[in-house]
Amino acid sequence: MPTFQLRLRLAVPSHSLWVAMAETTELFPKLAPHIISDIKVIEGEDAEVDSIRHIKYKSNQTGGKYVKEKLIYVDLDGMEATTMEIEGGHLAEGFTKWEMTLRIDSIDAQTCIIRISVNYDCKSGFNPEANIARSQAEMRSLLKRMEQYIVKTGLYSVDRIYTPNTQKVA
């Protein structure tokens, strides 16, 4: 199965990025309104295994106007998660599988690396290179926006971190 990788160094603590990633249902439409118009959890609980989100794109996006993605794996301690597109999105472009794993690793107290690996398959005769390049550019842009947001707002500092089954600590 073909795979592509994206690795990006961000000037934020790994735990801050991890908590922000758990809140992308709310954050992504704010950070990239030119790409994403709305995200709703349509099955399960947000950021929990087997939950399904419906992501609505702006009408000028290629690959369809929406994607349904399922969260299939989460390792809270290892800061790793895997999603799989189940309808729309890349599947509407010519891919038959799009499974994305992200992992956040700490470099030091204020810097981390996010590693994204996408496993995909395509319909016969489909050339995925342009779509992959666009997806990588959008991922980079969105992650840099998230980095700027975390730095600017300070919302994901260590004293605000929460764990599952508890509420945010003010």
C-alpha atoms as a PDB file:
ATOM      1  CA  MET A   1       0.000   0.000   0.000  1.00  0.00           C
ATOM      2  CA  PRO A   2       1.456   3.412  -0.945  1.00  0.00           C
ATOM      3  CA  THR A   3       2.300   5.853   1.843  1.00  0.00           C
ATOM      4  CA  PHE A   4       3.433   9.423   2.115  1.00  0.00           C
ATOM      5  CA  GLN A   5       4.958  11.152   5.110  1.00  0.00           C
ATOM      6  CA  LEU A   6       4.869  14.685   6.432  1.00  0.00           C
ATOM      7  CA  ARG A   7       7.082  15.847   9.273  1.00  0.00           C
ATOM      8  CA  LEU A   8       6.827  19.320  10.739  1.00  0.00           C
ATOM      9  CA  ARG A   9       8.689  20.944  13.622  1.00  0.00           C
ATOM     10  CA  LEU A  10       6.501  23.300  15.662  1.00  0.00           C
ATOM     11  CA  ALA A  11       7.502  25.805  18.338  1.00  0.00           C
ATOM     12  CA  VAL A  12       4.947  24.628  20.897  1.00  0.00           C
ATOM     13  CA  PRO A  13       5.096  22.011  23.664  1.00  0.00           C
ATOM     14  CA  SER A  14       4.006  18.563  22.535  1.00  0.00           C
ATOM     15  CA  HIS A  15       1.292  18.333  25.208  1.00  0.00           C
ATOM     16  CA  SER A  16      -0.166  21.683  24.090  1.00  0.00           C
ATOM     17  CA  LEU A  17      -0.412  20.523  20.483  1.00  0.00           C
ATOM     18  CA  TRP A  18      -1.913  17.183  21.559  1.00  0.00           C
ATOM     19  CA  VAL A  19      -4.685  18.859  23.555  1.00  0.00           C
ATOM     20  CA  ALA A  20      -5.369  21.285  20.698  1.00  0.00           C
ATOM     21  CA  MET A  21      -5.575  18.336  18.274  1.00  0.00           C
ATOM     22  CA  ALA A  22      -8.301  16.831  20.471  1.00  0.00           C
ATOM     23  CA  GLU A  23     -10.296  20.026  19.915  1.00  0.00           C
ATOM     24  CA  THR A  24      -9.974  20.274  16.130  1.00  0.00           C
ATOM     25  CA  THR A  25     -13.731  19.917  15.678  1.00  0.00           C
ATOM     26  CA  GLU A  26     -14.034  23.442  17.034  1.00  0.00           C
ATOM     27  CA  LEU A  27     -10.604  24.788  16.069  1.00  0.00           C
ATOM     28  CA  PHE A  28     -10.197  23.887  12.397  1.00  0.00           C
ATOM     29  CA  PRO A  29     -13.179  25.928  11.109  1.00  0.00           C
ATOM     30  CA  LYS A  30     -11.804  28.933  13.048  1.00  0.00           C
ATOM     31  CA  LEU A  31      -8.227  28.462  11.876  1.00  0.00           C
ATOM     32  CA  ALA A  32      -9.000  27.714   8.227  1.00  0.00           C
ATOM     33  CA  PRO A  33     -12.385  29.221   7.343  1.00  0.00           C
ATOM     34  CA  HIS A  34     -11.216  29.481   3.739  1.00  0.00           C
ATOM     35  CA  ILE A  35     -11.061  25.668   3.593  1.00  0.00           C
ATOM     36  CA  ILE A  36     -13.403  24.279   6.272  1.00  0.00           C
ATOM     37  CA  SER A  37     -16.860  25.695   6.858  1.00  0.00           C
ATOM     38  CA  ASP A  38     -18.072  23.305   9.569  1.00  0.00           C
ATOM     39  CA  ILE A  39     -17.237  20.138  11.497  1.00  0.00           C
ATOM     40  CA  LYS A  40     -19.810  18.106  13.406  1.00  0.00           C
ATOM     41  CA  VAL A  41     -19.531  14.849  15.299  1.00  0.00           C
ATOM     42  CA  ILE A  42     -22.285  12.682  13.843  1.00  0.00           C
ATOM     43  CA  GLU A  43     -21.592   9.472  15.733  1.00  0.00           C
ATOM     44  CA  GLY A  44     -20.031   8.808  19.121  1.00  0.00           C
ATOM     45  CA  GLU A  45     -18.169  11.318  21.268  1.00  0.00           C
ATOM     46  CA  ASP A  46     -15.639  13.767  19.864  1.00  0.00           C
ATOM     47  CA  ALA A  47     -12.026  12.531  19.958  1.00  0.00           C
ATOM     48  CA  GLU A  48     -13.035   8.998  21.016  1.00  0.00           C
ATOM     49  CA  VAL A  49     -12.356   5.816  19.062  1.00  0.00           C
ATOM     50  CA  ASP A  50     -15.157   4.948  16.610  1.00  0.00           C
ATOM     51  CA  SER A  51     -16.490   8.513  16.548  1.00  0.00           C
ATOM     52  CA  ILE A  52     -17.337   9.868  13.114  1.00  0.00           C
ATOM     53  CA  ARG A  53     -17.043  13.499  12.066  1.00  0.00           C
ATOM     54  CA  HIS A  54     -18.632  15.220   9.092  1.00  0.00           C
ATOM     55  CA  ILE A  55     -16.327  17.926   7.762  1.00  0.00           C
ATOM     56  CA  LYS A  56     -17.894  20.394   5.352  1.00  0.00           C
ATOM     57  CA  TYR A  57     -15.527  22.167   2.962  1.00  0.00           C
ATOM     58  CA  LYS A  58     -15.921  25.454   1.175  1.00  0.00           C
ATOM     59  CA  SER A  59     -17.456  24.945  -2.244  1.00  0.00           C
ATOM     60  CA  ASN A  60     -14.218  25.760  -4.087  1.00  0.00           C
ATOM     61  CA  GLN A  61     -12.422  22.732  -2.669  1.00  0.00           C
ATOM     62  CA  THR A  62     -11.553  19.914  -5.020  1.00  0.00           C
ATOM     63  CA  GLY A  63     -12.438  16.422  -3.913  1.00  0.00           C
ATOM     64  CA  GLY A  64     -15.968  17.149  -2.935  1.00  0.00           C
ATOM     65  CA  LYS A  65     -17.732  19.352  -0.471  1.00  0.00           C
ATOM     66  CA  TYR A  66     -17.378  17.110   2.564  1.00  0.00           C
ATOM     67  CA  VAL A  67     -15.646  14.157   4.141  1.00  0.00           C
ATOM     68  CA  LYS A  68     -16.759  11.712   6.794  1.00  0.00           C
ATOM     69  CA  GLU A  69     -13.843  10.475   8.863  1.00  0.00           C
ATOM     70  CA  LYS A  70     -13.738   7.831  11.553  1.00  0.00           C
ATOM     71  CA  LEU A  71     -11.296   7.870  14.448  1.00  0.00           C
ATOM     72  CA  ILE A  72      -9.975   4.309  14.552  1.00  0.00           C
ATOM     73  CA  TYR A  73      -7.071   4.502  17.015  1.00  0.00           C
ATOM     74  CA  VAL A  74      -5.925   6.747  19.863  1.00  0.00           C
ATOM     75  CA  ASP A  75      -2.914   6.357  22.156  1.00  0.00           C
ATOM     76  CA  LEU A  76      -3.261   9.125  24.743  1.00  0.00           C
ATOM     77  CA  ASP A  77       0.117   8.538  26.381  1.00  0.00           C
ATOM     78  CA  GLY A  78       1.946   8.147  23.073  1.00  0.00           C
ATOM     79  CA  MET A  79       0.159  11.156  21.529  1.00  0.00           C
ATOM     80  CA  GLU A  80      -0.839   9.215  18.446  1.00  0.00           C
ATOM     81  CA  ALA A  81      -4.137   8.920  16.575  1.00  0.00           C
ATOM     82  CA  THR A  82      -5.376   7.384  13.331  1.00  0.00           C
ATOM     83  CA  THR A  83      -8.366   8.408  11.241  1.00  0.00           C
ATOM     84  CA  MET A  84      -9.860   6.805   8.162  1.00  0.00           C
ATOM     85  CA  GLU A  85     -11.971   8.551   5.541  1.00  0.00           C
ATOM     86  CA  ILE A  86     -15.173   6.603   5.001  1.00  0.00           C
ATOM     87  CA  GLU A  87     -17.020   8.881   2.557  1.00  0.00           C
ATOM     88  CA  GLY A  88     -16.319  11.944   0.406  1.00  0.00           C
ATOM     89  CA  GLY A  89     -13.012  13.823   0.611  1.00  0.00           C
ATOM     90  CA  HIS A  90     -10.112  12.001  -1.000  1.00  0.00           C
ATOM     91  CA  LEU A  91     -12.403   9.070  -1.758  1.00  0.00           C
ATOM     92  CA  ALA A  92     -14.354  11.395  -4.086  1.00  0.00           C
ATOM     93  CA  GLU A  93     -11.125  12.317  -5.905  1.00  0.00           C
ATOM     94  CA  GLY A  94     -10.031   8.851  -7.005  1.00  0.00           C
ATOM     95  CA  PHE A  95      -8.566   7.326  -3.863  1.00  0.00           C
ATOM     96  CA  THR A  96     -10.090   4.106  -2.542  1.00  0.00           C
ATOM     97  CA  LYS A  97      -8.424   4.366   0.872  1.00  0.00           C
ATOM     98  CA  TRP A  98      -7.129   7.310   2.914  1.00  0.00           C
ATOM     99  CA  GLU A  99      -5.905   6.450   6.410  1.00  0.00           C
ATOM    100  CA  MET A 100      -3.926   9.075   8.303  1.00  0.00           C
ATOM    101  CA  THR A 101      -1.846   8.563  11.442  1.00  0.00           C
ATOM    102  CA  LEU A 102      -0.418  11.476  13.358  1.00  0.00           C
ATOM    103  CA  ARG A 103       2.111  11.286  16.149  1.00  0.00           C
ATOM    104  CA  ILE A 104       3.485  14.111  18.245  1.00  0.00           C
ATOM    105  CA  ASP A 105       6.971  13.788  19.728  1.00  0.00           C
ATOM    106  CA  SER A 106       8.595  16.212  22.127  1.00  0.00           C
ATOM    107  CA  ILE A 107      11.954  17.729  21.197  1.00  0.00           C
ATOM    108  CA  ASP A 108      12.242  19.877  24.309  1.00  0.00           C
ATOM    109  CA  ALA A 109       9.916  21.771  26.667  1.00  0.00           C
ATOM    110  CA  GLN A 110       8.869  24.246  23.973  1.00  0.00           C
ATOM    111  CA  THR A 111       9.254  22.344  20.688  1.00  0.00           C
ATOM    112  CA  CYS A 112       7.753  19.254  19.127  1.00  0.00           C
ATOM    113  CA  ILE A 113       7.602  17.347  15.876  1.00  0.00           C
ATOM    114  CA  ILE A 114       4.360  16.179  14.384  1.00  0.00           C
ATOM    115  CA  ARG A 115       4.692  13.210  12.075  1.00  0.00           C
ATOM    116  CA  ILE A 116       1.863  12.408   9.706  1.00  0.00           C
ATOM    117  CA  SER A 117       1.752   9.217   7.704  1.00  0.00           C
ATOM    118  CA  VAL A 118      -0.971   8.598   5.134  1.00  0.00           C
ATOM    119  CA  ASN A 119      -1.642   5.132   3.749  1.00  0.00           C
ATOM    120  CA  TYR A 120      -3.708   5.241   0.593  1.00  0.00           C
ATOM    121  CA  ASP A 121      -4.882   3.254  -2.392  1.00  0.00           C
ATOM    122  CA  CYS A 122      -6.172   4.580  -5.714  1.00  0.00           C
ATOM    123  CA  LYS A 123      -8.517   3.606  -8.474  1.00  0.00           C
ATOM    124  CA  SER A 124      -6.786   2.102 -11.491  1.00  0.00           C
ATOM    125  CA  GLY A 125      -5.340   4.776 -13.766  1.00  0.00           C
ATOM    126  CA  PHE A 126      -5.642   7.549 -11.174  1.00  0.00           C
ATOM    127  CA  ASN A 127      -2.492   9.653 -10.714  1.00  0.00           C
ATOM    128  CA  PRO A 128      -2.417  10.841  -7.069  1.00  0.00           C
ATOM    129  CA  GLU A 129       0.664  13.121  -7.085  1.00  0.00           C
ATOM    130  CA  ALA A 130      -1.110  16.503  -7.457  1.00  0.00           C
ATOM    131  CA  ASN A 131      -3.733  15.559  -4.856  1.00  0.00           C
ATOM    132  CA  ILE A 132      -1.064  14.423  -2.401  1.00  0.00           C
ATOM    133  CA  ALA A 133       0.970  17.608  -2.913  1.00  0.00           C
ATOM    134  CA  ARG A 134      -2.150  19.720  -2.282  1.00  0.00           C
ATOM    135  CA  SER A 135      -3.036  17.702   0.826  1.00  0.00           C
ATOM    136  CA  GLN A 136       0.494  18.076   2.216  1.00  0.00           C
ATOM    137  CA  ALA A 137       0.433  21.844   1.632  1.00  0.00           C
ATOM    138  CA  GLU A 138      -2.970  22.159   3.335  1.00  0.00           C
ATOM    139  CA  MET A 139      -1.789  20.053   6.293  1.00  0.00           C
ATOM    140  CA  ARG A 140       1.339  22.182   6.711  1.00  0.00           C
ATOM    141  CA  SER A 141      -0.674  25.398   6.506  1.00  0.00           C
ATOM    142  CA  LEU A 142      -3.259  24.211   9.017  1.00  0.00           C
ATOM    143  CA  LEU A 143      -0.625  22.998  11.477  1.00  0.00           C
ATOM    144  CA  LYS A 144       1.295  26.285  11.249  1.00  0.00           C
ATOM    145  CA  ARG A 145      -1.966  28.143  11.924  1.00  0.00           C
ATOM    146  CA  MET A 146      -2.539  25.895  14.930  1.00  0.00           C
ATOM    147  CA  GLU A 147       0.988  26.602  16.178  1.00  0.00           C
ATOM    148  CA  GLN A 148       0.381  30.369  15.890  1.00  0.00           C
ATOM    149  CA  TYR A 149      -2.974  30.036  17.654  1.00  0.00           C
ATOM    150  CA  ILE A 150      -1.480  28.067  20.554  1.00  0.00           C
ATOM    151  CA  VAL A 151       1.327  30.601  20.989  1.00  0.00           C
ATOM    152  CA  LYS A 152      -0.949  33.630  20.662  1.00  0.00           C
ATOM    153  CA  THR A 153      -3.764  32.469  22.966  1.00  0.00           C
ATOM    154  CA  GLY A 154      -1.849  30.422  25.541  1.00  0.00           C
ATOM    155  CA  LEU A 155      -5.000  28.279  25.852  1.00  0.00           C
ATOM    156  CA  TYR A 156      -3.123  25.005  25.862  1.00  0.00           C
ATOM    157  CA  SER A 157      -0.506  25.706  28.505  1.00  0.00           C
ATOM    158  CA  VAL A 158       0.358  23.015  31.034  1.00  0.00           C
ATOM    159  CA  ASP A 159      -1.975  24.388  33.713  1.00  0.00           C
ATOM    160  CA  ARG A 160      -4.963  24.010  31.357  1.00  0.00           C
ATOM    161  CA  ILE A 161      -4.249  20.445  30.258  1.00  0.00           C
ATOM    162  CA  TYR A 162      -6.956  17.907  30.976  1.00  0.00           C
ATOM    163  CA  THR A 163      -7.251  14.187  30.715  1.00  0.00           C
ATOM    164  CA  PRO A 164     -10.165  12.043  29.562  1.00  0.00           C
ATOM    165  CA  ASN A 165     -13.041  11.728  32.029  1.00  0.00           C
ATOM    166  CA  THR A 166     -12.201  15.087  33.609  1.00  0.00           C
ATOM    167  CA  GLN A 167     -12.982  18.672  32.734  1.00  0.00           C
ATOM    168  CA  LYS A 168     -10.475  21.360  31.810  1.00  0.00           C
ATOM    169  CA  VAL A 169      -8.633  22.778  34.743  1.00  0.00           C
ATOM    170  CA  ALA A 170      -8.652  26.580  34.809  1.00  0.00           C
END
